[in-house]
Amino acid sequence: ADLWSVGAISFQLVTWKNTFHWNNQIQATALLALPAVVIMLKFICFGSVLR
């Protein structure tokens, strides 16, 4: 196990709250991938403006 998973489990044990709030794997993937997609699109668009 890695340190991130230990932190997530510890948070749940201490606060009695879920670390993440999603209902299924599809929703989790969409929520986690969205920031990366936005950053990538900004990079692509900004790069094309500079040319």
C-alpha atoms as a PDB file:
ATOM      1  CA  ALA A   1       0.000   0.000   0.000  1.00  0.00           C
ATOM      2  CA  ASP A   2       1.150   3.512  -0.626  1.00  0.00           C
ATOM      3  CA  LEU A   3       0.998   6.618   1.521  1.00  0.00           C
ATOM      4  CA  TRP A   4      -1.960   8.093  -0.381  1.00  0.00           C
ATOM      5  CA  SER A   5      -4.196   5.122   0.408  1.00  0.00           C
ATOM      6  CA  VAL A   6      -3.143   5.205   4.071  1.00  0.00           C
ATOM      7  CA  GLY A   7      -4.157   8.876   4.202  1.00  0.00           C
ATOM      8  CA  ALA A   8      -7.520   8.193   2.551  1.00  0.00           C
ATOM      9  CA  ILE A   9      -8.330   5.350   4.933  1.00  0.00           C
ATOM     10  CA  SER A  10      -7.146   7.355   7.956  1.00  0.00           C
ATOM     11  CA  PHE A  11      -9.371  10.268   6.927  1.00  0.00           C
ATOM     12  CA  GLN A  12     -12.400   7.973   6.770  1.00  0.00           C
ATOM     13  CA  LEU A  13     -11.616   6.408  10.145  1.00  0.00           C
ATOM     14  CA  VAL A  14     -11.155   9.763  11.896  1.00  0.00           C
ATOM     15  CA  THR A  15     -14.012  11.750  10.326  1.00  0.00           C
ATOM     16  CA  TRP A  16     -16.532   8.961   9.543  1.00  0.00           C
ATOM     17  CA  LYS A  17     -16.995  10.604   6.121  1.00  0.00           C
ATOM     18  CA  ASN A  18     -16.212   9.296   2.661  1.00  0.00           C
ATOM     19  CA  THR A  19     -13.066  10.700   1.137  1.00  0.00           C
ATOM     20  CA  PHE A  20     -14.602  10.808  -2.326  1.00  0.00           C
ATOM     21  CA  HIS A  21     -18.221  11.319  -3.318  1.00  0.00           C
ATOM     22  CA  TRP A  22     -19.200   9.315  -6.380  1.00  0.00           C
ATOM     23  CA  ASN A  23     -21.541   6.432  -7.004  1.00  0.00           C
ATOM     24  CA  ASN A  24     -19.696   4.297  -9.556  1.00  0.00           C
ATOM     25  CA  GLN A  25     -16.430   3.885 -11.458  1.00  0.00           C
ATOM     26  CA  ILE A  26     -17.660   5.822 -14.507  1.00  0.00           C
ATOM     27  CA  GLN A  27     -18.486   8.874 -12.403  1.00  0.00           C
ATOM     28  CA  ALA A  28     -15.142   8.601 -10.580  1.00  0.00           C
ATOM     29  CA  THR A  29     -13.205   8.437 -13.835  1.00  0.00           C
ATOM     30  CA  ALA A  30     -15.072  11.428 -15.257  1.00  0.00           C
ATOM     31  CA  LEU A  31     -14.465  13.541 -12.147  1.00  0.00           C
ATOM     32  CA  LEU A  32     -10.783  12.642 -11.920  1.00  0.00           C
ATOM     33  CA  ALA A  33     -10.027  13.000 -15.638  1.00  0.00           C
ATOM     34  CA  LEU A  34     -11.837  16.306 -16.199  1.00  0.00           C
ATOM     35  CA  PRO A  35      -9.122  18.586 -14.725  1.00  0.00           C
ATOM     36  CA  ALA A  36      -6.442  16.865 -16.803  1.00  0.00           C
ATOM     37  CA  VAL A  37      -8.494  17.264 -19.980  1.00  0.00           C
ATOM     38  CA  VAL A  38      -9.098  20.959 -19.264  1.00  0.00           C
ATOM     39  CA  ILE A  39      -5.382  21.578 -18.690  1.00  0.00           C
ATOM     40  CA  MET A  40      -4.481  19.684 -21.860  1.00  0.00           C
ATOM     41  CA  LEU A  41      -7.003  21.650 -23.938  1.00  0.00           C
ATOM     42  CA  LYS A  42      -5.727  24.960 -22.554  1.00  0.00           C
ATOM     43  CA  PHE A  43      -2.178  23.937 -23.446  1.00  0.00           C
ATOM     44  CA  ILE A  44      -3.182  22.929 -26.977  1.00  0.00           C
ATOM     45  CA  CYS A  45      -5.247  26.087 -27.560  1.00  0.00           C
ATOM     46  CA  PHE A  46      -2.623  28.408 -26.073  1.00  0.00           C
ATOM     47  CA  GLY A  47       0.093  26.761 -28.159  1.00  0.00           C
ATOM     48  CA  SER A  48      -1.868  27.276 -31.362  1.00  0.00           C
ATOM     49  CA  VAL A  49      -2.382  30.970 -30.525  1.00  0.00           C
ATOM     50  CA  LEU A  50       1.375  31.507 -30.202  1.00  0.00           C
ATOM     51  CA  ARG A  51       2.097  30.153 -33.695  1.00  0.00           C
END
